[in-house]
Amino acid sequence: MATLKNTNINDTGHLTLPGNTTSGAGTNGALRFNGRDGRIEVFQSQSGGGFWTAMVQPFLSRQIITTGYVHGGYASSVVWDETNRVTFATDTTIDLAGKQERGHNYKDSCHDVNNCWTFGGAANGHCVNNNGITAYNHRTENNYTSGYTRTFTWSTNNPGMIQNPEMTKAWITGGNSSQIRYFDMVTQTLGAQQGSSGTSGGTWGIQHENYGIWCENPNQGFKWSSETPYSRGATSPQGDKHQHCMMFKHANMVGGRERNPSTNWRETNFYNDQTKDVIGGKSYYGGEENMIAGQDWGYAIGWYQGNHVVDSAKFVYATRQSVRGGSSLNAKGVNGQSSATMSWRD
């Protein structure tokens, strides 16, 4: 192998990069062509046990989050079929005329910029196990019932979902099965099993540019480049499965430190795959939050604090602090809300 450093190559030919598609580690800074995804990748060894990352537009500006959605949820054992739209520019929430196909709570979802799919979303009851997949279109702002896989592999409650940054694939586990199943968001079809997470219990999923994490149970990572899980040595990103993390396009995610409900934040750094109790108290006491991922700030639109409340909070990434929202940001059309599914678009 030739080592090229400060060298000009005057030739009409070409350089051929290694063509390893998904497996194997590399040395720090190594290049390869990923033939499966059609992109050049560089190996970064500093975090997450090492991973291949795409040489594309920076993750932070790849999509600009402008609009969030809160789907379903519940209060006092009554499930909602509402969808609320949150506008980031004005910190306002409205109740949409287009509702969920059925009410649901304690489920999880994946989404691209156009659609959101909720697994177990046809439950129509409080904490009900269900294998129906329901969908909502961000552009028409209404549910739709055809053109995608409608039945999931197992009846689920409290599953955990993670998805890649290209918003093309998602993986789900837990909530009554330890299987890891993937969902293709381009074809809107359910794929084959891709290993096991080692738990069938309840969990929650968060993600960033190069990998995702299933929190609390089993506190396991999953690399996009190899599509394989790995065991994390760090603390779980949240105090339990109900302390839902707030995700950002920046590298640090925040979640409740204690078990549900909680009073303090915990922070997970996706550059070094470490979780630490390094920031302070929430501006509210709660858990089971409806967390909407943010660009420079994100939202908690409703939560559980021993009872359900109509309340909200805004977390600003630069200051690492949350402040209470107000009537304009609070959920609409419900008398309290937690444990919904969330999505966003540009």
C-alpha atoms as a PDB file:
ATOM      1  CA  MET A   1       0.000   0.000   0.000  1.00  0.00           C
ATOM      2  CA  ALA A   2       1.345   3.424  -0.921  1.00  0.00           C
ATOM      3  CA  THR A   3       1.386   6.266   1.607  1.00  0.00           C
ATOM      4  CA  LEU A   4       0.551   9.564  -0.085  1.00  0.00           C
ATOM      5  CA  LYS A   5       1.367  12.713   1.886  1.00  0.00           C
ATOM      6  CA  ASN A   6       1.885  16.180   0.421  1.00  0.00           C
ATOM      7  CA  THR A   7       2.056  14.529  -2.993  1.00  0.00           C
ATOM      8  CA  ASN A   8       0.626  15.773  -6.289  1.00  0.00           C
ATOM      9  CA  ILE A   9      -0.631  13.027  -8.608  1.00  0.00           C
ATOM     10  CA  ASN A  10      -0.629  14.016 -12.276  1.00  0.00           C
ATOM     11  CA  ASP A  11      -2.501  11.267 -14.052  1.00  0.00           C
ATOM     12  CA  THR A  12      -5.563  10.654 -16.164  1.00  0.00           C
ATOM     13  CA  GLY A  13      -6.411   7.501 -14.233  1.00  0.00           C
ATOM     14  CA  HIS A  14      -8.158   7.162 -10.882  1.00  0.00           C
ATOM     15  CA  LEU A  15      -7.797   5.991  -7.283  1.00  0.00           C
ATOM     16  CA  THR A  16      -9.876   3.028  -6.153  1.00  0.00           C
ATOM     17  CA  LEU A  17     -11.082   3.031  -2.544  1.00  0.00           C
ATOM     18  CA  PRO A  18     -11.712  -0.185  -0.608  1.00  0.00           C
ATOM     19  CA  GLY A  19     -15.252  -1.364  -1.243  1.00  0.00           C
ATOM     20  CA  ASN A  20     -16.184  -2.868   2.137  1.00  0.00           C
ATOM     21  CA  THR A  21     -19.911  -2.234   2.384  1.00  0.00           C
ATOM     22  CA  THR A  22     -20.992  -2.616   6.013  1.00  0.00           C
ATOM     23  CA  SER A  23     -18.681  -4.732   8.159  1.00  0.00           C
ATOM     24  CA  GLY A  24     -15.326  -4.395   9.832  1.00  0.00           C
ATOM     25  CA  ALA A  25     -13.392  -1.682  11.602  1.00  0.00           C
ATOM     26  CA  GLY A  26     -10.697   0.525  10.145  1.00  0.00           C
ATOM     27  CA  THR A  27      -7.850   2.689  11.330  1.00  0.00           C
ATOM     28  CA  ASN A  28      -8.639   6.259  12.287  1.00  0.00           C
ATOM     29  CA  GLY A  29      -9.039   8.360   9.136  1.00  0.00           C
ATOM     30  CA  ALA A  30      -9.313   5.401   6.749  1.00  0.00           C
ATOM     31  CA  LEU A  31     -11.579   5.809   3.695  1.00  0.00           C
ATOM     32  CA  ARG A  32     -13.896   3.345   1.986  1.00  0.00           C
ATOM     33  CA  PHE A  33     -16.739   3.317  -0.514  1.00  0.00           C
ATOM     34  CA  ASN A  34     -19.999   1.960   0.895  1.00  0.00           C
ATOM     35  CA  GLY A  35     -21.553   0.262  -2.110  1.00  0.00           C
ATOM     36  CA  ARG A  36     -24.818  -0.490  -0.336  1.00  0.00           C
ATOM     37  CA  ASP A  37     -25.573   3.167   0.394  1.00  0.00           C
ATOM     38  CA  GLY A  38     -23.552   4.693  -2.469  1.00  0.00           C
ATOM     39  CA  ARG A  39     -21.345   7.009  -0.409  1.00  0.00           C
ATOM     40  CA  ILE A  40     -17.744   7.604   0.682  1.00  0.00           C
ATOM     41  CA  GLU A  41     -17.119   7.041   4.393  1.00  0.00           C
ATOM     42  CA  VAL A  42     -14.290   7.793   6.812  1.00  0.00           C
ATOM     43  CA  PHE A  43     -13.518   5.744   9.967  1.00  0.00           C
ATOM     44  CA  GLN A  44     -13.704   7.648  13.255  1.00  0.00           C
ATOM     45  CA  SER A  45     -12.269   5.687  16.184  1.00  0.00           C
ATOM     46  CA  GLN A  46     -12.845   8.121  19.048  1.00  0.00           C
ATOM     47  CA  SER A  47     -16.361   7.125  20.124  1.00  0.00           C
ATOM     48  CA  GLY A  48     -18.913   4.361  20.150  1.00  0.00           C
ATOM     49  CA  GLY A  49     -16.224   1.705  19.698  1.00  0.00           C
ATOM     50  CA  GLY A  50     -15.341   3.279  16.331  1.00  0.00           C
ATOM     51  CA  PHE A  51     -17.608   3.760  13.329  1.00  0.00           C
ATOM     52  CA  TRP A  52     -17.737   4.655   9.637  1.00  0.00           C
ATOM     53  CA  THR A  53     -19.317   8.051   8.964  1.00  0.00           C
ATOM     54  CA  ALA A  54     -20.485   9.541   5.661  1.00  0.00           C
ATOM     55  CA  MET A  55     -18.563  12.377   3.979  1.00  0.00           C
ATOM     56  CA  VAL A  56     -21.698  14.365   3.207  1.00  0.00           C
ATOM     57  CA  GLN A  57     -23.311  17.632   4.262  1.00  0.00           C
ATOM     58  CA  PRO A  58     -22.862  18.088   8.036  1.00  0.00           C
ATOM     59  CA  PHE A  59     -25.541  16.400  10.094  1.00  0.00           C
ATOM     60  CA  LEU A  60     -26.479  19.632  11.878  1.00  0.00           C
ATOM     61  CA  SER A  61     -27.547  21.360   8.652  1.00  0.00           C
ATOM     62  CA  ARG A  62     -28.652  18.342   6.627  1.00  0.00           C
ATOM     63  CA  GLN A  63     -32.243  19.136   7.550  1.00  0.00           C
ATOM     64  CA  ILE A  64     -33.392  22.215   9.445  1.00  0.00           C
ATOM     65  CA  ILE A  65     -36.134  21.349  11.922  1.00  0.00           C
ATOM     66  CA  THR A  66     -39.002  23.832  11.669  1.00  0.00           C
ATOM     67  CA  THR A  67     -42.077  21.870  12.742  1.00  0.00           C
ATOM     68  CA  GLY A  68     -42.805  19.181  15.314  1.00  0.00           C
ATOM     69  CA  TYR A  69     -45.776  16.866  15.914  1.00  0.00           C
ATOM     70  CA  VAL A  70     -47.207  15.171  19.001  1.00  0.00           C
ATOM     71  CA  HIS A  71     -49.356  12.124  18.210  1.00  0.00           C
ATOM     72  CA  GLY A  72     -51.784  10.474  20.637  1.00  0.00           C
ATOM     73  CA  GLY A  73     -50.803  10.115  24.288  1.00  0.00           C
ATOM     74  CA  TYR A  74     -53.135   9.982  27.283  1.00  0.00           C
ATOM     75  CA  ALA A  75     -54.308  11.414  30.594  1.00  0.00           C
ATOM     76  CA  SER A  76     -55.950   9.522  33.487  1.00  0.00           C
ATOM     77  CA  SER A  77     -56.156   6.243  31.503  1.00  0.00           C
ATOM     78  CA  VAL A  78     -57.926   7.927  28.557  1.00  0.00           C
ATOM     79  CA  VAL A  79     -55.978   7.722  25.271  1.00  0.00           C
ATOM     80  CA  TRP A  80     -56.041  10.542  22.721  1.00  0.00           C
ATOM     81  CA  ASP A  81     -56.254  10.424  18.928  1.00  0.00           C
ATOM     82  CA  GLU A  82     -55.184  14.082  18.655  1.00  0.00           C
ATOM     83  CA  THR A  83     -52.191  15.358  16.681  1.00  0.00           C
ATOM     84  CA  ASN A  84     -50.727  18.713  17.704  1.00  0.00           C
ATOM     85  CA  ARG A  85     -48.398  20.735  15.466  1.00  0.00           C
ATOM     86  CA  VAL A  86     -45.577  22.744  17.086  1.00  0.00           C
ATOM     87  CA  THR A  87     -43.987  25.650  15.186  1.00  0.00           C
ATOM     88  CA  PHE A  88     -40.379  26.298  16.246  1.00  0.00           C
ATOM     89  CA  ALA A  89     -40.181  29.883  14.976  1.00  0.00           C
ATOM     90  CA  THR A  90     -43.006  31.068  17.232  1.00  0.00           C
ATOM     91  CA  ASP A  91     -43.051  28.493  20.094  1.00  0.00           C
ATOM     92  CA  THR A  92     -46.710  27.763  19.395  1.00  0.00           C
ATOM     93  CA  THR A  93     -48.816  24.589  19.371  1.00  0.00           C
ATOM     94  CA  ILE A  94     -52.158  24.018  17.649  1.00  0.00           C
ATOM     95  CA  ASP A  95     -54.551  21.070  17.529  1.00  0.00           C
ATOM     96  CA  LEU A  96     -54.925  19.748  13.977  1.00  0.00           C
ATOM     97  CA  ALA A  97     -58.181  18.676  12.368  1.00  0.00           C
ATOM     98  CA  GLY A  98     -56.453  15.581  10.985  1.00  0.00           C
ATOM     99  CA  LYS A  99     -56.240  13.044  13.801  1.00  0.00           C
ATOM    100  CA  GLN A 100     -54.579   9.691  14.439  1.00  0.00           C
ATOM    101  CA  GLU A 101     -56.317   6.632  13.009  1.00  0.00           C
ATOM    102  CA  ARG A 102     -56.779   5.427  16.605  1.00  0.00           C
ATOM    103  CA  GLY A 103     -55.795   6.575  20.057  1.00  0.00           C
ATOM    104  CA  HIS A 104     -52.579   5.168  21.577  1.00  0.00           C
ATOM    105  CA  ASN A 105     -50.063   5.587  24.397  1.00  0.00           C
ATOM    106  CA  TYR A 106     -46.737   3.998  25.462  1.00  0.00           C
ATOM    107  CA  LYS A 107     -45.782   3.257  21.855  1.00  0.00           C
ATOM    108  CA  ASP A 108     -42.878   4.464  19.707  1.00  0.00           C
ATOM    109  CA  SER A 109     -42.562   5.712  16.154  1.00  0.00           C
ATOM    110  CA  CYS A 110     -40.174   6.416  13.293  1.00  0.00           C
ATOM    111  CA  HIS A 111     -40.482   9.193  10.745  1.00  0.00           C
ATOM    112  CA  ASP A 112     -38.978  10.928   7.755  1.00  0.00           C
ATOM    113  CA  VAL A 113     -39.756  14.517   6.774  1.00  0.00           C
ATOM    114  CA  ASN A 114     -43.055  13.479   5.170  1.00  0.00           C
ATOM    115  CA  ASN A 115     -44.537  10.646   7.244  1.00  0.00           C
ATOM    116  CA  CYS A 116     -44.616   9.168  10.741  1.00  0.00           C
ATOM    117  CA  TRP A 117     -45.341   5.484  11.506  1.00  0.00           C
ATOM    118  CA  THR A 118     -46.436   4.423  15.019  1.00  0.00           C
ATOM    119  CA  PHE A 119     -45.888   0.784  16.012  1.00  0.00           C
ATOM    120  CA  GLY A 120     -48.781  -0.514  18.089  1.00  0.00           C
ATOM    121  CA  GLY A 121     -50.662   2.644  17.112  1.00  0.00           C
ATOM    122  CA  ALA A 122     -53.958   0.837  16.515  1.00  0.00           C
ATOM    123  CA  ALA A 123     -54.270  -0.015  20.228  1.00  0.00           C
ATOM    124  CA  ASN A 124     -57.180   2.350  20.961  1.00  0.00           C
ATOM    125  CA  GLY A 125     -56.834   1.758  24.705  1.00  0.00           C
ATOM    126  CA  HIS A 126     -54.643   2.524  27.726  1.00  0.00           C
ATOM    127  CA  CYS A 127     -51.407   0.449  27.845  1.00  0.00           C
ATOM    128  CA  VAL A 128     -52.882  -2.051  25.371  1.00  0.00           C
ATOM    129  CA  ASN A 129     -50.523  -4.437  23.551  1.00  0.00           C
ATOM    130  CA  ASN A 130     -51.075  -4.089  19.810  1.00  0.00           C
ATOM    131  CA  ASN A 131     -49.404  -5.132  16.536  1.00  0.00           C
ATOM    132  CA  GLY A 132     -51.026  -2.566  14.247  1.00  0.00           C
ATOM    133  CA  ILE A 133     -48.893   0.042  12.473  1.00  0.00           C
ATOM    134  CA  THR A 134     -50.566   3.399  11.850  1.00  0.00           C
ATOM    135  CA  ALA A 135     -49.304   6.331   9.779  1.00  0.00           C
ATOM    136  CA  TYR A 136     -49.598  10.113   9.631  1.00  0.00           C
ATOM    137  CA  ASN A 137     -48.625  12.408   6.756  1.00  0.00           C
ATOM    138  CA  HIS A 138     -46.819  15.627   7.750  1.00  0.00           C
ATOM    139  CA  ARG A 139     -47.748  17.411   4.521  1.00  0.00           C
ATOM    140  CA  THR A 140     -51.481  16.649   4.399  1.00  0.00           C
ATOM    141  CA  GLU A 141     -51.591  16.589   8.212  1.00  0.00           C
ATOM    142  CA  ASN A 142     -53.882  13.595   8.355  1.00  0.00           C
ATOM    143  CA  ASN A 143     -53.631   9.851   8.902  1.00  0.00           C
ATOM    144  CA  TYR A 144     -53.492   7.389   6.000  1.00  0.00           C
ATOM    145  CA  THR A 145     -54.235   3.673   5.967  1.00  0.00           C
ATOM    146  CA  SER A 146     -52.727   2.152   2.815  1.00  0.00           C
ATOM    147  CA  GLY A 147     -49.425   1.861   0.966  1.00  0.00           C
ATOM    148  CA  TYR A 148     -47.372   0.519   3.870  1.00  0.00           C
ATOM    149  CA  THR A 149     -46.993  -2.581   6.067  1.00  0.00           C
ATOM    150  CA  ARG A 150     -49.930  -2.483   8.455  1.00  0.00           C
ATOM    151  CA  THR A 151     -49.071  -5.366  10.804  1.00  0.00           C
ATOM    152  CA  PHE A 152     -46.025  -5.604  13.062  1.00  0.00           C
ATOM    153  CA  THR A 153     -44.293  -8.848  14.083  1.00  0.00           C
ATOM    154  CA  TRP A 154     -45.496  -8.847  17.700  1.00  0.00           C
ATOM    155  CA  SER A 155     -48.082  -7.065  19.845  1.00  0.00           C
ATOM    156  CA  THR A 156     -46.141  -4.366  21.627  1.00  0.00           C
ATOM    157  CA  ASN A 157     -46.233  -1.845  24.438  1.00  0.00           C
ATOM    158  CA  ASN A 158     -43.249   0.281  25.531  1.00  0.00           C
ATOM    159  CA  PRO A 159     -40.987  -0.602  22.567  1.00  0.00           C
ATOM    160  CA  GLY A 160     -37.894   1.418  21.611  1.00  0.00           C
ATOM    161  CA  MET A 161     -37.272   2.819  18.120  1.00  0.00           C
ATOM    162  CA  ILE A 162     -34.079   4.254  16.611  1.00  0.00           C
ATOM    163  CA  GLN A 163     -33.523   5.515  13.062  1.00  0.00           C
ATOM    164  CA  ASN A 164     -30.624   6.465  10.821  1.00  0.00           C
ATOM    165  CA  PRO A 165     -29.809  10.110   9.939  1.00  0.00           C
ATOM    166  CA  GLU A 166     -30.775   9.626   6.290  1.00  0.00           C
ATOM    167  CA  MET A 167     -34.292   8.880   7.570  1.00  0.00           C
ATOM    168  CA  THR A 168     -34.474   5.780   5.399  1.00  0.00           C
ATOM    169  CA  LYS A 169     -34.370   2.952   7.974  1.00  0.00           C
ATOM    170  CA  ALA A 170     -35.496   2.408  11.551  1.00  0.00           C
ATOM    171  CA  TRP A 171     -34.982  -0.420  14.048  1.00  0.00           C
ATOM    172  CA  ILE A 172     -37.333  -1.459  16.862  1.00  0.00           C
ATOM    173  CA  THR A 173     -36.930  -3.816  19.821  1.00  0.00           C
ATOM    174  CA  GLY A 174     -38.370  -4.520  23.273  1.00  0.00           C
ATOM    175  CA  GLY A 175     -41.946  -4.201  24.372  1.00  0.00           C
ATOM    176  CA  ASN A 176     -42.592  -7.988  24.426  1.00  0.00           C
ATOM    177  CA  SER A 177     -39.797  -9.249  22.140  1.00  0.00           C
ATOM    178  CA  SER A 178     -35.981  -9.065  22.079  1.00  0.00           C
ATOM    179  CA  GLN A 179     -35.914  -9.265  18.273  1.00  0.00           C
ATOM    180  CA  ILE A 180     -34.464  -6.291  16.417  1.00  0.00           C
ATOM    181  CA  ARG A 181     -36.649  -5.605  13.382  1.00  0.00           C
ATOM    182  CA  TYR A 182     -36.058  -2.930  10.782  1.00  0.00           C
ATOM    183  CA  PHE A 183     -38.556  -0.786   8.918  1.00  0.00           C
ATOM    184  CA  ASP A 184     -37.733   0.643   5.482  1.00  0.00           C
ATOM    185  CA  MET A 185     -39.115   4.196   5.390  1.00  0.00           C
ATOM    186  CA  VAL A 186     -38.554   4.522   1.633  1.00  0.00           C
ATOM    187  CA  THR A 187     -40.699   1.518   0.677  1.00  0.00           C
ATOM    188  CA  GLN A 188     -42.762   1.716   3.895  1.00  0.00           C
ATOM    189  CA  THR A 189     -42.278  -2.003   4.503  1.00  0.00           C
ATOM    190  CA  LEU A 190     -41.249  -4.119   7.475  1.00  0.00           C
ATOM    191  CA  GLY A 191     -37.957  -5.971   7.041  1.00  0.00           C
ATOM    192  CA  ALA A 192     -36.340  -9.077   8.472  1.00  0.00           C
ATOM    193  CA  GLN A 193     -34.933  -9.656  11.951  1.00  0.00           C
ATOM    194  CA  GLN A 194     -31.444  -8.178  12.492  1.00  0.00           C
ATOM    195  CA  GLY A 195     -30.236  -9.870  15.643  1.00  0.00           C
ATOM    196  CA  SER A 196     -31.408  -9.477  19.222  1.00  0.00           C
ATOM    197  CA  SER A 197     -31.188  -6.743  21.826  1.00  0.00           C
ATOM    198  CA  GLY A 198     -31.173  -9.259  24.667  1.00  0.00           C
ATOM    199  CA  THR A 199     -34.348  -7.939  26.287  1.00  0.00           C
ATOM    200  CA  SER A 200     -38.077  -8.102  25.734  1.00  0.00           C
ATOM    201  CA  GLY A 201     -38.788  -5.460  28.368  1.00  0.00           C
ATOM    202  CA  GLY A 202     -39.768  -1.842  27.937  1.00  0.00           C
ATOM    203  CA  THR A 203     -37.201   0.596  26.552  1.00  0.00           C
ATOM    204  CA  TRP A 204     -36.818   3.888  24.667  1.00  0.00           C
ATOM    205  CA  GLY A 205     -34.663   4.886  21.715  1.00  0.00           C
ATOM    206  CA  ILE A 206     -32.500   7.915  20.895  1.00  0.00           C
ATOM    207  CA  GLN A 207     -30.086   8.508  18.018  1.00  0.00           C
ATOM    208  CA  HIS A 208     -27.580  10.784  16.330  1.00  0.00           C
ATOM    209  CA  GLU A 209     -25.416  10.788  13.194  1.00  0.00           C
ATOM    210  CA  ASN A 210     -23.498   7.526  13.590  1.00  0.00           C
ATOM    211  CA  TYR A 211     -25.406   5.311  16.001  1.00  0.00           C
ATOM    212  CA  GLY A 212     -28.484   4.959  18.166  1.00  0.00           C
ATOM    213  CA  ILE A 213     -29.016   3.862  21.773  1.00  0.00           C
ATOM    214  CA  TRP A 214     -31.768   1.805  23.384  1.00  0.00           C
ATOM    215  CA  CYS A 215     -31.979   3.326  26.856  1.00  0.00           C
ATOM    216  CA  GLU A 216     -32.377   1.770  30.303  1.00  0.00           C
ATOM    217  CA  ASN A 217     -33.177  -1.729  29.161  1.00  0.00           C
ATOM    218  CA  PRO A 218     -30.822  -2.923  27.684  1.00  0.00           C
ATOM    219  CA  ASN A 219     -28.706   0.326  27.438  1.00  0.00           C
ATOM    220  CA  GLN A 220     -27.325  -0.922  24.135  1.00  0.00           C
ATOM    221  CA  GLY A 221     -25.934   0.904  21.107  1.00  0.00           C
ATOM    222  CA  PHE A 222     -26.553   0.171  17.425  1.00  0.00           C
ATOM    223  CA  LYS A 223     -24.192   1.325  14.650  1.00  0.00           C
ATOM    224  CA  TRP A 224     -25.657   2.499  11.362  1.00  0.00           C
ATOM    225  CA  SER A 225     -22.561   1.591   9.321  1.00  0.00           C
ATOM    226  CA  SER A 226     -22.613  -2.111  10.227  1.00  0.00           C
ATOM    227  CA  GLU A 227     -26.264  -2.365  11.317  1.00  0.00           C
ATOM    228  CA  THR A 228     -25.217  -4.299  14.418  1.00  0.00           C
ATOM    229  CA  PRO A 229     -25.743  -3.736  18.173  1.00  0.00           C
ATOM    230  CA  TYR A 230     -22.974  -3.273  20.748  1.00  0.00           C
ATOM    231  CA  SER A 231     -22.922  -3.133  24.547  1.00  0.00           C
ATOM    232  CA  ARG A 232     -22.464   0.287  26.159  1.00  0.00           C
ATOM    233  CA  GLY A 233     -20.277   0.643  29.215  1.00  0.00           C
ATOM    234  CA  ALA A 234     -21.712   4.044  30.070  1.00  0.00           C
ATOM    235  CA  THR A 235     -24.648   4.957  32.292  1.00  0.00           C
ATOM    236  CA  SER A 236     -28.095   4.751  30.735  1.00  0.00           C
ATOM    237  CA  PRO A 237     -29.125   8.054  29.087  1.00  0.00           C
ATOM    238  CA  GLN A 238     -32.264   8.239  31.250  1.00  0.00           C
ATOM    239  CA  GLY A 239     -33.320   7.180  34.739  1.00  0.00           C
ATOM    240  CA  ASP A 240     -35.811   4.598  33.485  1.00  0.00           C
ATOM    241  CA  LYS A 241     -37.785   3.712  30.364  1.00  0.00           C
ATOM    242  CA  HIS A 242     -40.272   6.520  31.035  1.00  0.00           C
ATOM    243  CA  GLN A 243     -37.726   9.361  31.376  1.00  0.00           C
ATOM    244  CA  HIS A 244     -37.874  10.246  27.698  1.00  0.00           C
ATOM    245  CA  CYS A 245     -34.749  11.948  26.333  1.00  0.00           C
ATOM    246  CA  MET A 246     -34.826  15.150  24.325  1.00  0.00           C
ATOM    247  CA  MET A 247     -32.752  14.736  21.166  1.00  0.00           C
ATOM    248  CA  PHE A 248     -30.833  17.407  19.257  1.00  0.00           C
ATOM    249  CA  LYS A 249     -29.041  17.720  15.916  1.00  0.00           C
ATOM    250  CA  HIS A 250     -26.126  18.798  18.152  1.00  0.00           C
ATOM    251  CA  ALA A 251     -24.218  16.019  19.905  1.00  0.00           C
ATOM    252  CA  ASN A 252     -25.640  16.068  23.434  1.00  0.00           C
ATOM    253  CA  MET A 253     -29.027  14.645  24.463  1.00  0.00           C
ATOM    254  CA  VAL A 254     -30.754  15.268  27.792  1.00  0.00           C
ATOM    255  CA  GLY A 255     -33.027  13.033  29.829  1.00  0.00           C
ATOM    256  CA  GLY A 256     -34.389  12.752  33.359  1.00  0.00           C
ATOM    257  CA  ARG A 257     -31.732  11.609  35.829  1.00  0.00           C
ATOM    258  CA  GLU A 258     -33.975   9.945  38.405  1.00  0.00           C
ATOM    259  CA  ARG A 259     -36.746   7.441  37.893  1.00  0.00           C
ATOM    260  CA  ASN A 260     -40.132   8.717  36.727  1.00  0.00           C
ATOM    261  CA  PRO A 261     -40.974  11.506  37.604  1.00  0.00           C
ATOM    262  CA  SER A 262     -37.635  13.321  37.949  1.00  0.00           C
ATOM    263  CA  THR A 263     -36.269  16.739  38.888  1.00  0.00           C
ATOM    264  CA  ASN A 264     -32.769  16.753  37.310  1.00  0.00           C
ATOM    265  CA  TRP A 265     -31.185  16.334  33.873  1.00  0.00           C
ATOM    266  CA  ARG A 266     -28.665  13.785  32.660  1.00  0.00           C
ATOM    267  CA  GLU A 267     -26.619  14.375  29.483  1.00  0.00           C
ATOM    268  CA  THR A 268     -25.396  11.884  26.845  1.00  0.00           C
ATOM    269  CA  ASN A 269     -22.555  12.938  24.549  1.00  0.00           C
ATOM    270  CA  PHE A 270     -22.807  11.193  21.174  1.00  0.00           C
ATOM    271  CA  TYR A 271     -19.225  12.127  20.235  1.00  0.00           C
ATOM    272  CA  ASN A 272     -17.691  10.004  23.014  1.00  0.00           C
ATOM    273  CA  ASP A 273     -20.659   7.744  23.896  1.00  0.00           C
ATOM    274  CA  GLN A 274     -20.626   8.818  27.543  1.00  0.00           C
ATOM    275  CA  THR A 275     -23.524   9.685  29.853  1.00  0.00           C
ATOM    276  CA  LYS A 276     -22.971  11.933  32.870  1.00  0.00           C
ATOM    277  CA  ASP A 277     -24.941  13.888  35.445  1.00  0.00           C
ATOM    278  CA  VAL A 278     -23.290  17.157  34.423  1.00  0.00           C
ATOM    279  CA  ILE A 279     -26.194  19.583  34.123  1.00  0.00           C
ATOM    280  CA  GLY A 280     -28.669  20.619  36.760  1.00  0.00           C
ATOM    281  CA  GLY A 281     -32.356  20.731  37.480  1.00  0.00           C
ATOM    282  CA  LYS A 282     -35.324  20.655  35.157  1.00  0.00           C
ATOM    283  CA  SER A 283     -37.670  23.617  35.101  1.00  0.00           C
ATOM    284  CA  TYR A 284     -40.439  21.156  35.962  1.00  0.00           C
ATOM    285  CA  TYR A 285     -41.002  17.894  37.852  1.00  0.00           C
ATOM    286  CA  GLY A 286     -42.069  15.127  35.493  1.00  0.00           C
ATOM    287  CA  GLY A 287     -41.522  12.170  33.220  1.00  0.00           C
ATOM    288  CA  GLU A 288     -43.098  10.373  30.263  1.00  0.00           C
ATOM    289  CA  GLU A 289     -42.528  13.646  28.416  1.00  0.00           C
ATOM    290  CA  ASN A 290     -43.596  14.280  24.845  1.00  0.00           C
ATOM    291  CA  MET A 291     -40.127  15.355  23.707  1.00  0.00           C
ATOM    292  CA  ILE A 292     -39.740  16.992  20.295  1.00  0.00           C
ATOM    293  CA  ALA A 293     -36.200  16.882  18.865  1.00  0.00           C
ATOM    294  CA  GLY A 294     -34.606  20.253  18.265  1.00  0.00           C
ATOM    295  CA  GLN A 295     -32.137  22.115  16.110  1.00  0.00           C
ATOM    296  CA  ASP A 296     -31.001  24.728  18.659  1.00  0.00           C
ATOM    297  CA  TRP A 297     -33.853  24.146  21.073  1.00  0.00           C
ATOM    298  CA  GLY A 298     -36.430  21.450  21.710  1.00  0.00           C
ATOM    299  CA  TYR A 299     -39.731  21.064  23.534  1.00  0.00           C
ATOM    300  CA  ALA A 300     -41.454  18.989  26.172  1.00  0.00           C
ATOM    301  CA  ILE A 301     -45.174  19.282  25.370  1.00  0.00           C
ATOM    302  CA  GLY A 302     -46.896  17.667  28.336  1.00  0.00           C
ATOM    303  CA  TRP A 303     -45.707  15.145  30.936  1.00  0.00           C
ATOM    304  CA  TYR A 304     -46.680  13.066  33.972  1.00  0.00           C
ATOM    305  CA  GLN A 305     -45.869  14.310  37.493  1.00  0.00           C
ATOM    306  CA  GLY A 306     -48.033  11.988  39.567  1.00  0.00           C
ATOM    307  CA  ASN A 307     -50.928  13.339  37.537  1.00  0.00           C
ATOM    308  CA  HIS A 308     -51.196  14.672  33.983  1.00  0.00           C
ATOM    309  CA  VAL A 309     -50.911  18.401  33.387  1.00  0.00           C
ATOM    310  CA  VAL A 310     -51.350  20.827  30.512  1.00  0.00           C
ATOM    311  CA  ASP A 311     -47.864  22.315  30.596  1.00  0.00           C
ATOM    312  CA  SER A 312     -44.744  22.679  28.481  1.00  0.00           C
ATOM    313  CA  ALA A 313     -41.045  23.536  28.555  1.00  0.00           C
ATOM    314  CA  LYS A 314     -38.403  24.734  26.120  1.00  0.00           C
ATOM    315  CA  PHE A 315     -34.806  23.468  26.420  1.00  0.00           C
ATOM    316  CA  VAL A 316     -32.183  25.745  24.828  1.00  0.00           C
ATOM    317  CA  TYR A 317     -29.078  23.853  23.729  1.00  0.00           C
ATOM    318  CA  ALA A 318     -26.599  26.728  24.099  1.00  0.00           C
ATOM    319  CA  THR A 319     -27.487  27.414  27.742  1.00  0.00           C
ATOM    320  CA  ARG A 320     -28.240  23.786  28.725  1.00  0.00           C
ATOM    321  CA  GLN A 321     -31.321  24.988  30.554  1.00  0.00           C
ATOM    322  CA  SER A 322     -35.059  24.588  30.233  1.00  0.00           C
ATOM    323  CA  VAL A 323     -37.692  27.224  30.867  1.00  0.00           C
ATOM    324  CA  ARG A 324     -41.431  26.742  31.212  1.00  0.00           C
ATOM    325  CA  GLY A 325     -43.528  27.325  28.131  1.00  0.00           C
ATOM    326  CA  GLY A 326     -46.943  28.863  28.486  1.00  0.00           C
ATOM    327  CA  SER A 327     -50.422  28.799  27.039  1.00  0.00           C
ATOM    328  CA  SER A 328     -49.237  29.244  23.422  1.00  0.00           C
ATOM    329  CA  LEU A 329     -46.824  26.290  23.646  1.00  0.00           C
ATOM    330  CA  ASN A 330     -49.018  23.976  25.745  1.00  0.00           C
ATOM    331  CA  ALA A 331     -50.824  21.031  24.098  1.00  0.00           C
ATOM    332  CA  LYS A 332     -54.252  21.777  22.682  1.00  0.00           C
ATOM    333  CA  GLY A 333     -57.428  19.678  22.559  1.00  0.00           C
ATOM    334  CA  VAL A 334     -56.477  17.569  25.610  1.00  0.00           C
ATOM    335  CA  ASN A 335     -56.793  17.989  29.384  1.00  0.00           C
ATOM    336  CA  GLY A 336     -53.290  16.715  30.111  1.00  0.00           C
ATOM    337  CA  GLN A 337     -50.983  14.505  28.081  1.00  0.00           C
ATOM    338  CA  SER A 338     -47.954  12.231  28.236  1.00  0.00           C
ATOM    339  CA  SER A 339     -46.535   9.111  26.540  1.00  0.00           C
ATOM    340  CA  ALA A 340     -47.358  10.172  22.981  1.00  0.00           C
ATOM    341  CA  THR A 341     -45.239   9.585  19.886  1.00  0.00           C
ATOM    342  CA  MET A 342     -43.369  12.482  18.308  1.00  0.00           C
ATOM    343  CA  SER A 343     -41.988  13.456  14.896  1.00  0.00           C
ATOM    344  CA  TRP A 344     -40.633  16.488  13.023  1.00  0.00           C
ATOM    345  CA  ARG A 345     -40.133  17.867   9.528  1.00  0.00           C
ATOM    346  CA  ASP A 346     -38.134  20.574   7.808  1.00  0.00           C
END
